[in-house]
């Protein structure tokens, strides 16, 4: 068994940022990666994916985007290249092509069993990400066998979809983007909509991400939030990275020919049972968008900077048909493919440590495991800040938790 002070599981942006700070603290460590650095960006994304955040916001500790298109949006391949360059820039001690089979308590630390041998360490950082498994609802198993079923890990391009209509379930960033792409490819798309976050791509001449950064929204600390559980479950922003910087919302999708229905909550043969909350979901999304834009206007006024930006603008409320159905006939609508754009969940099957809640999530306090000593987690939604799951957010979180880890080691040694 080999020894090191800290094992970081995952060599994506979260693990590499943590590694950078551990190196600054002179903490001996390794990173274990099941494939190559940034493996998931290469193997687990659909072909046309682009980041929701502009290139200038792709920044990590000691390195940031330096290309000639700061307002553009990286492809998945570009992101993988950036992260690989970062690993080389920081000389991160990555052990690639190493699957972690088991992590368990051992002596006064942890035993990490891998396909390339076992390690003993004092502390473990779980940086394997929150997007390991497609989070498909249980009732998806009731889908008729004749209908093709895809999810966010198996969908790559419209070319893999057969003839007939397509039902996209979920209208956050991924679902909205796929609905737009598949409709443009000539398929008739129906989009099943639940809770979502509607935002314009550009407001008063600046990318909405610029505004959320400028007014401090993305730096909101988890201790400042009243309902943290809800905040950590908020859907991804209904945005799309494109050269046109176009909005992608239910209005623009409907104009493109996409049919909008309520949230799919059950399947009964060829019948889909829909929630009756579509109108409420849309009204709430419209209201929250208006509140954010109002807060931006107020920030501009407080800074006395109105002359530096374009005038404020209003966006039309989400338009819905008068009749919003409560059921959906798959056969009648000629649905031949269903794409479950219902998010992801992490895979902790290898983590044999008593840190889980009843839903299988790691119990933690801002990234430090609540029930055991020396275990940390990175990259989860709103883990320490609203930006925790963004590339731009991992640096600050890693700095905080690396400092906590060092204090933990010093306490043990005292």
Foldseek 3Di string as FASTA:
>chain_A
DAEFAEEEEAQELQSLLLQLLCVVVVGTYAYEEQADHLVCLPQFAAAAAWDLDFQQLQDGVPDGDDDDGRRFTHHSVRSSVVSVVSCVVSVHRYDHNKAFQAWDDDDQAIWTQIPVGIYTHRFYEYARAFFPFFPFDPQVVVEPPQAAEAERRRHHALVVDDAWAEEEAEQEQVSLVVLVRNLVVPHAYEYAYDAYAFEQQDWQHHGVVVLCVVVCQQFAFCVNDDDSVVQLVHGHHNAGGDPVSGGGDLVVSVVSRYHYAYHFDHDDHQKTFHDPCPVVSQVVNLVVRVVSLVVSVVVCVVVVNPVVTHDGDHDDGDDDDPDHDRMDGCVVRGRRYYYHHPGRGDDPVRYPYPQADPVGDGPDQLFHGDPGPRYGYAQRQSSTGNCRNPSSNSNVSSNVVSVVNVVSVVVVVD
